[in-house]
Amino acid sequence: MKYVYPVIFTPEDNGYSVKVPDLPGCFTYGDSLADAIDMARDAISMWLCDAEDKSEPIPPASDIKDVVHDANSFVNLIDVDTDFYRKENDNRAVKKTLTIPSWLNAKAEKANINFSQVLQTALKDHLGIKDRS
């Protein structure tokens, strides 16, 4: 599902505090404006996914012109796609079948290698993906 919400960004000493007034308790922080926008998108997505999972009502987005903020803050619209967010953050295991030479399999089994972990690490390295802990 796609949503767009107004977000209040407030400059702080070392970044930006972020508040989503339409989503109770939805706050975050970013070290830079770009980081704050990413963090806002992530916080909104998590909030909405949780509400969708619990079949709770999704609050309507306010008109950006109606969002009250102080003179030091500014408001920007942030778009999120909960379907995309779920796909990007889905950590369920997926079974894959692969083929390796018999001699390599024997050596790896003798060394008690965790094939799944080695494959995951190799794929992340190959794709330049930082570990998500």
N, C-alpha and C. Protein backbone atom coordinates (compact mmCIF):
# COMPACT_ATOMS: atom_id res chain seq x y z
N MET A 1 0.84 -1.17 0.00
CA MET A 1 0.00 0.00 0.00
C MET A 1 0.89 1.24 0.00
N LYS A 2 0.49 2.26 -0.72
CA LYS A 2 1.27 3.49 -0.78
C LYS A 2 0.59 4.58 0.05
N TYR A 3 1.42 5.34 0.76
CA TYR A 3 0.94 6.42 1.62
C TYR A 3 1.85 7.63 1.46
N VAL A 4 1.32 8.81 1.80
CA VAL A 4 2.12 10.03 1.86
C VAL A 4 1.69 10.78 3.12
N TYR A 5 2.67 11.10 3.97
CA TYR A 5 2.40 11.82 5.22
C TYR A 5 3.29 13.04 5.34
N PRO A 6 2.74 14.12 5.91
CA PRO A 6 3.58 15.27 6.22
C PRO A 6 4.43 14.97 7.46
N VAL A 7 5.67 15.43 7.43
CA VAL A 7 6.61 15.16 8.51
C VAL A 7 7.26 16.48 8.91
N ILE A 8 7.41 16.67 10.22
CA ILE A 8 8.06 17.87 10.75
C ILE A 8 9.53 17.57 11.02
N PHE A 9 10.42 18.35 10.42
CA PHE A 9 11.86 18.22 10.62
C PHE A 9 12.34 19.42 11.43
N THR A 10 13.04 19.16 12.52
CA THR A 10 13.57 20.22 13.36
C THR A 10 15.08 20.10 13.44
N PRO A 11 15.81 21.11 12.96
CA PRO A 11 17.27 21.06 13.05
C PRO A 11 17.72 21.03 14.52
N GLU A 12 18.67 20.16 14.81
CA GLU A 12 19.26 20.03 16.15
C GLU A 12 20.76 20.27 16.01
N ASP A 13 21.49 20.23 17.10
CA ASP A 13 22.94 20.47 17.05
C ASP A 13 23.66 19.50 16.12
N ASN A 14 23.25 18.23 16.13
CA ASN A 14 23.97 17.23 15.34
C ASN A 14 23.08 16.48 14.36
N GLY A 15 22.05 17.14 13.85
CA GLY A 15 21.18 16.47 12.90
C GLY A 15 19.77 17.06 12.92
N TYR A 16 18.78 16.17 12.75
CA TYR A 16 17.38 16.59 12.68
C TYR A 16 16.50 15.64 13.47
N SER A 17 15.65 16.21 14.33
CA SER A 17 14.61 15.39 14.94
C SER A 17 13.44 15.36 13.98
N VAL A 18 12.70 14.26 14.01
CA VAL A 18 11.63 14.02 13.05
C VAL A 18 10.38 13.61 13.80
N LYS A 19 9.26 14.22 13.43
CA LYS A 19 7.97 13.89 14.03
C LYS A 19 6.94 13.73 12.93
N VAL A 20 6.13 12.66 13.04
CA VAL A 20 5.04 12.43 12.10
C VAL A 20 3.75 12.68 12.89
N PRO A 21 3.18 13.89 12.79
CA PRO A 21 2.07 14.25 13.66
C PRO A 21 0.81 13.40 13.50
N ASP A 22 0.60 12.81 12.35
CA ASP A 22 -0.61 12.00 12.13
C ASP A 22 -0.51 10.58 12.70
N LEU A 23 0.71 10.16 13.06
CA LEU A 23 0.93 8.80 13.56
C LEU A 23 1.43 8.88 14.99
N PRO A 24 0.56 8.66 15.97
CA PRO A 24 0.95 8.79 17.38
C PRO A 24 2.21 7.99 17.74
N GLY A 25 3.15 8.68 18.37
CA GLY A 25 4.38 8.02 18.81
C GLY A 25 5.40 7.80 17.72
N CYS A 26 5.18 8.33 16.54
CA CYS A 26 6.10 8.11 15.42
C CYS A 26 7.12 9.26 15.38
N PHE A 27 8.28 9.00 15.99
CA PHE A 27 9.38 9.96 16.06
C PHE A 27 10.66 9.25 15.65
N THR A 28 11.61 10.01 15.15
CA THR A 28 12.92 9.44 14.84
C THR A 28 13.92 10.58 14.78
N TYR A 29 15.14 10.28 14.34
CA TYR A 29 16.22 11.25 14.29
C TYR A 29 17.16 10.88 13.16
N GLY A 30 17.77 11.88 12.54
CA GLY A 30 18.76 11.62 11.51
C GLY A 30 19.97 12.51 11.71
N ASP A 31 21.15 11.98 11.40
CA ASP A 31 22.40 12.73 11.56
C ASP A 31 22.56 13.85 10.53
N SER A 32 21.87 13.72 9.40
CA SER A 32 21.86 14.73 8.34
C SER A 32 20.44 14.80 7.80
N LEU A 33 20.18 15.75 6.94
CA LEU A 33 18.83 15.84 6.37
C LEU A 33 18.51 14.60 5.55
N ALA A 34 19.46 14.13 4.75
CA ALA A 34 19.22 12.91 3.96
C ALA A 34 18.94 11.72 4.88
N ASP A 35 19.71 11.59 5.95
CA ASP A 35 19.50 10.51 6.91
C ASP A 35 18.15 10.65 7.60
N ALA A 36 17.77 11.88 7.95
CA ALA A 36 16.48 12.11 8.61
C ALA A 36 15.32 11.72 7.70
N ILE A 37 15.44 12.01 6.41
CA ILE A 37 14.39 11.62 5.46
C ILE A 37 14.30 10.10 5.38
N ASP A 38 15.45 9.42 5.30
CA ASP A 38 15.46 7.94 5.28
C ASP A 38 14.86 7.38 6.56
N MET A 39 15.25 7.96 7.68
CA MET A 39 14.74 7.48 8.97
C MET A 39 13.24 7.73 9.09
N ALA A 40 12.76 8.85 8.57
CA ALA A 40 11.32 9.13 8.57
C ALA A 40 10.57 8.09 7.76
N ARG A 41 11.09 7.79 6.57
CA ARG A 41 10.46 6.79 5.71
C ARG A 41 10.41 5.43 6.41
N ASP A 42 11.50 5.07 7.08
CA ASP A 42 11.57 3.80 7.79
C ASP A 42 10.59 3.77 8.97
N ALA A 43 10.55 4.85 9.76
CA ALA A 43 9.66 4.90 10.92
C ALA A 43 8.18 4.85 10.50
N ILE A 44 7.84 5.60 9.46
CA ILE A 44 6.45 5.59 8.97
C ILE A 44 6.09 4.20 8.46
N SER A 45 6.99 3.59 7.71
CA SER A 45 6.73 2.24 7.17
C SER A 45 6.51 1.24 8.29
N MET A 46 7.37 1.27 9.31
CA MET A 46 7.20 0.34 10.44
C MET A 46 5.87 0.57 11.15
N TRP A 47 5.54 1.84 11.38
CA TRP A 47 4.29 2.18 12.07
C TRP A 47 3.09 1.65 11.28
N LEU A 48 3.10 1.93 9.98
CA LEU A 48 1.97 1.51 9.14
C LEU A 48 1.90 -0.01 8.97
N CYS A 49 3.04 -0.68 8.81
CA CYS A 49 3.03 -2.14 8.70
C CYS A 49 2.45 -2.77 9.96
N ASP A 50 2.83 -2.23 11.11
CA ASP A 50 2.29 -2.75 12.37
C ASP A 50 0.78 -2.57 12.43
N ALA A 51 0.31 -1.40 12.04
CA ALA A 51 -1.14 -1.15 12.04
C ALA A 51 -1.85 -2.06 11.04
N GLU A 52 -1.26 -2.23 9.86
CA GLU A 52 -1.86 -3.13 8.87
C GLU A 52 -1.92 -4.57 9.40
N ASP A 53 -0.84 -5.02 10.02
CA ASP A 53 -0.78 -6.39 10.55
C ASP A 53 -1.83 -6.63 11.63
N LYS A 54 -2.12 -5.60 12.40
CA LYS A 54 -3.09 -5.72 13.49
C LYS A 54 -4.51 -5.32 13.06
N SER A 55 -4.68 -5.02 11.78
CA SER A 55 -5.96 -4.56 11.22
C SER A 55 -6.49 -3.34 11.97
N GLU A 56 -5.58 -2.48 12.37
CA GLU A 56 -5.96 -1.23 13.03
C GLU A 56 -6.22 -0.17 11.98
N PRO A 57 -7.03 0.82 12.31
CA PRO A 57 -7.31 1.87 11.33
C PRO A 57 -6.04 2.69 11.03
N ILE A 58 -5.88 3.06 9.79
CA ILE A 58 -4.75 3.88 9.35
C ILE A 58 -5.20 5.34 9.38
N PRO A 59 -4.55 6.17 10.19
CA PRO A 59 -4.96 7.58 10.24
C PRO A 59 -4.77 8.26 8.89
N PRO A 60 -5.73 9.11 8.52
CA PRO A 60 -5.56 9.84 7.26
C PRO A 60 -4.44 10.87 7.40
N ALA A 61 -3.80 11.17 6.32
CA ALA A 61 -2.74 12.18 6.32
C ALA A 61 -3.35 13.57 6.32
N SER A 62 -2.76 14.45 7.12
CA SER A 62 -3.18 15.85 7.14
C SER A 62 -2.73 16.54 5.86
N ASP A 63 -3.40 17.63 5.54
CA ASP A 63 -2.93 18.48 4.46
C ASP A 63 -1.67 19.17 4.95
N ILE A 64 -0.62 19.21 4.14
CA ILE A 64 0.65 19.79 4.55
C ILE A 64 0.50 21.23 5.02
N LYS A 65 -0.46 21.96 4.45
CA LYS A 65 -0.68 23.36 4.83
C LYS A 65 -1.26 23.50 6.23
N ASP A 66 -1.86 22.41 6.78
CA ASP A 66 -2.49 22.46 8.08
C ASP A 66 -1.59 21.98 9.22
N VAL A 67 -0.38 21.55 8.90
CA VAL A 67 0.52 21.02 9.93
C VAL A 67 1.16 22.17 10.69
N VAL A 68 0.94 22.18 12.01
CA VAL A 68 1.46 23.24 12.87
C VAL A 68 2.88 22.88 13.29
N HIS A 69 3.79 23.83 13.13
CA HIS A 69 5.18 23.63 13.53
C HIS A 69 5.76 24.98 13.92
N ASP A 70 6.88 24.94 14.68
CA ASP A 70 7.47 26.22 15.09
C ASP A 70 8.34 26.79 13.98
N ALA A 71 8.80 28.01 14.18
CA ALA A 71 9.54 28.73 13.14
C ALA A 71 10.88 28.07 12.81
N ASN A 72 11.43 27.30 13.73
CA ASN A 72 12.72 26.63 13.50
C ASN A 72 12.56 25.34 12.70
N SER A 73 11.35 24.84 12.54
CA SER A 73 11.09 23.57 11.86
C SER A 73 10.54 23.80 10.46
N PHE A 74 10.53 22.72 9.69
CA PHE A 74 9.88 22.78 8.38
C PHE A 74 9.15 21.46 8.15
N VAL A 75 8.20 21.46 7.25
CA VAL A 75 7.39 20.28 6.96
C VAL A 75 7.67 19.83 5.53
N ASN A 76 7.77 18.52 5.37
CA ASN A 76 7.97 17.94 4.04
C ASN A 76 7.10 16.70 3.94
N LEU A 77 6.68 16.36 2.74
CA LEU A 77 5.91 15.14 2.53
C LEU A 77 6.87 13.97 2.33
N ILE A 78 6.53 12.84 2.94
CA ILE A 78 7.32 11.62 2.81
C ILE A 78 6.39 10.52 2.29
N ASP A 79 6.82 9.86 1.22
CA ASP A 79 6.03 8.77 0.67
C ASP A 79 6.61 7.44 1.14
N VAL A 80 5.73 6.48 1.38
CA VAL A 80 6.14 5.14 1.75
C VAL A 80 5.30 4.12 0.99
N ASP A 81 5.87 2.95 0.81
CA ASP A 81 5.18 1.83 0.16
C ASP A 81 5.39 0.63 1.09
N THR A 82 4.35 0.26 1.83
CA THR A 82 4.49 -0.82 2.81
C THR A 82 4.74 -2.17 2.14
N ASP A 83 4.25 -2.37 0.93
CA ASP A 83 4.52 -3.62 0.22
C ASP A 83 6.01 -3.73 -0.09
N PHE A 84 6.61 -2.65 -0.59
CA PHE A 84 8.04 -2.62 -0.88
C PHE A 84 8.84 -2.78 0.41
N TYR A 85 8.43 -2.08 1.47
CA TYR A 85 9.12 -2.15 2.76
C TYR A 85 9.15 -3.58 3.29
N ARG A 86 8.02 -4.26 3.20
CA ARG A 86 7.96 -5.65 3.67
C ARG A 86 8.93 -6.54 2.88
N LYS A 87 8.97 -6.38 1.58
CA LYS A 87 9.86 -7.20 0.74
C LYS A 87 11.32 -6.94 1.09
N GLU A 88 11.68 -5.67 1.30
CA GLU A 88 13.06 -5.32 1.61
C GLU A 88 13.50 -5.80 2.99
N ASN A 89 12.55 -5.99 3.90
CA ASN A 89 12.89 -6.34 5.28
C ASN A 89 12.41 -7.73 5.68
N ASP A 90 12.07 -8.55 4.71
CA ASP A 90 11.60 -9.91 4.97
C ASP A 90 12.82 -10.82 5.16
N ASN A 91 12.99 -11.34 6.38
CA ASN A 91 14.14 -12.18 6.69
C ASN A 91 13.80 -13.67 6.74
N ARG A 92 12.65 -14.04 6.19
CA ARG A 92 12.31 -15.46 6.18
C ARG A 92 13.31 -16.22 5.33
N ALA A 93 13.62 -17.42 5.78
CA ALA A 93 14.55 -18.27 5.02
C ALA A 93 13.86 -18.80 3.77
N VAL A 94 14.61 -18.85 2.68
CA VAL A 94 14.14 -19.40 1.41
C VAL A 94 15.08 -20.53 1.04
N LYS A 95 14.51 -21.71 0.78
CA LYS A 95 15.34 -22.86 0.43
C LYS A 95 15.80 -22.75 -1.02
N LYS A 96 17.10 -22.99 -1.22
CA LYS A 96 17.70 -22.98 -2.56
C LYS A 96 18.45 -24.29 -2.77
N THR A 97 18.42 -24.78 -3.97
CA THR A 97 19.19 -25.97 -4.32
C THR A 97 20.38 -25.51 -5.13
N LEU A 98 21.57 -26.03 -4.79
CA LEU A 98 22.75 -25.63 -5.52
C LEU A 98 23.63 -26.85 -5.77
N THR A 99 24.57 -26.69 -6.64
CA THR A 99 25.46 -27.78 -7.01
C THR A 99 26.91 -27.34 -6.78
N ILE A 100 27.68 -28.22 -6.09
CA ILE A 100 29.11 -27.98 -5.91
C ILE A 100 29.82 -29.32 -6.16
N PRO A 101 31.10 -29.28 -6.46
CA PRO A 101 31.83 -30.53 -6.69
C PRO A 101 31.84 -31.41 -5.43
N SER A 102 31.80 -32.71 -5.62
CA SER A 102 31.76 -33.66 -4.52
C SER A 102 32.94 -33.48 -3.57
N TRP A 103 34.16 -33.29 -4.13
CA TRP A 103 35.34 -33.14 -3.28
C TRP A 103 35.23 -31.92 -2.37
N LEU A 104 34.60 -30.81 -2.90
CA LEU A 104 34.44 -29.59 -2.11
C LEU A 104 33.41 -29.80 -1.00
N ASN A 105 32.35 -30.51 -1.33
CA ASN A 105 31.33 -30.84 -0.35
C ASN A 105 31.93 -31.66 0.79
N ALA A 106 32.75 -32.67 0.45
CA ALA A 106 33.36 -33.53 1.47
C ALA A 106 34.26 -32.72 2.40
N LYS A 107 35.10 -31.86 1.83
CA LYS A 107 35.99 -31.03 2.66
C LYS A 107 35.21 -30.07 3.55
N ALA A 108 34.16 -29.47 3.00
CA ALA A 108 33.35 -28.53 3.77
C ALA A 108 32.61 -29.23 4.91
N GLU A 109 32.06 -30.41 4.63
CA GLU A 109 31.38 -31.16 5.68
C GLU A 109 32.35 -31.59 6.77
N LYS A 110 33.57 -32.01 6.38
CA LYS A 110 34.58 -32.42 7.35
C LYS A 110 34.97 -31.23 8.24
N ALA A 111 34.94 -30.03 7.69
CA ALA A 111 35.28 -28.82 8.44
C ALA A 111 34.07 -28.23 9.18
N ASN A 112 32.94 -28.95 9.13
CA ASN A 112 31.70 -28.49 9.79
C ASN A 112 31.28 -27.09 9.31
N ILE A 113 31.38 -26.86 8.02
CA ILE A 113 30.99 -25.58 7.43
C ILE A 113 29.47 -25.47 7.41
N ASN A 114 28.98 -24.31 7.81
CA ASN A 114 27.55 -24.00 7.69
C ASN A 114 27.34 -23.44 6.29
N PHE A 115 26.85 -24.28 5.39
CA PHE A 115 26.70 -23.90 3.98
C PHE A 115 25.82 -22.66 3.81
N SER A 116 24.71 -22.60 4.54
CA SER A 116 23.80 -21.46 4.41
C SER A 116 24.48 -20.16 4.81
N GLN A 117 25.23 -20.20 5.92
CA GLN A 117 25.89 -18.97 6.38
C GLN A 117 26.96 -18.52 5.40
N VAL A 118 27.74 -19.47 4.89
CA VAL A 118 28.80 -19.13 3.93
C VAL A 118 28.19 -18.54 2.66
N LEU A 119 27.11 -19.13 2.17
CA LEU A 119 26.47 -18.61 0.96
C LEU A 119 25.91 -17.21 1.20
N GLN A 120 25.25 -17.01 2.34
CA GLN A 120 24.72 -15.68 2.65
C GLN A 120 25.82 -14.64 2.72
N THR A 121 26.92 -14.97 3.40
CA THR A 121 28.04 -14.04 3.52
C THR A 121 28.63 -13.73 2.15
N ALA A 122 28.81 -14.75 1.33
CA ALA A 122 29.38 -14.56 0.00
C ALA A 122 28.46 -13.71 -0.88
N LEU A 123 27.16 -13.96 -0.81
CA LEU A 123 26.22 -13.17 -1.61
C LEU A 123 26.21 -11.70 -1.17
N LYS A 124 26.23 -11.47 0.14
CA LYS A 124 26.27 -10.09 0.64
C LYS A 124 27.54 -9.39 0.18
N ASP A 125 28.67 -10.07 0.31
CA ASP A 125 29.95 -9.49 -0.14
C ASP A 125 29.90 -9.18 -1.63
N HIS A 126 29.43 -10.13 -2.41
CA HIS A 126 29.37 -9.97 -3.87
C HIS A 126 28.46 -8.82 -4.30
N LEU A 127 27.37 -8.65 -3.54
CA LEU A 127 26.39 -7.61 -3.87
C LEU A 127 26.66 -6.28 -3.17
N GLY A 128 27.70 -6.26 -2.32
CA GLY A 128 28.02 -5.02 -1.60
C GLY A 128 26.98 -4.64 -0.56
N ILE A 129 26.38 -5.65 0.08
CA ILE A 129 25.33 -5.41 1.08
C ILE A 129 25.95 -5.47 2.47
N LYS A 130 25.70 -4.42 3.26
CA LYS A 130 26.18 -4.41 4.64
C LYS A 130 25.29 -5.31 5.47
N ASP A 131 25.87 -5.95 6.45
CA ASP A 131 25.12 -6.89 7.29
C ASP A 131 24.02 -6.17 8.05
N ARG A 132 22.83 -6.75 8.07
CA ARG A 132 21.68 -6.19 8.82
C ARG A 132 21.57 -6.97 10.12
N SER A 133 22.02 -6.37 11.20
CA SER A 133 21.94 -7.05 12.50
C SER A 133 20.79 -6.54 13.30
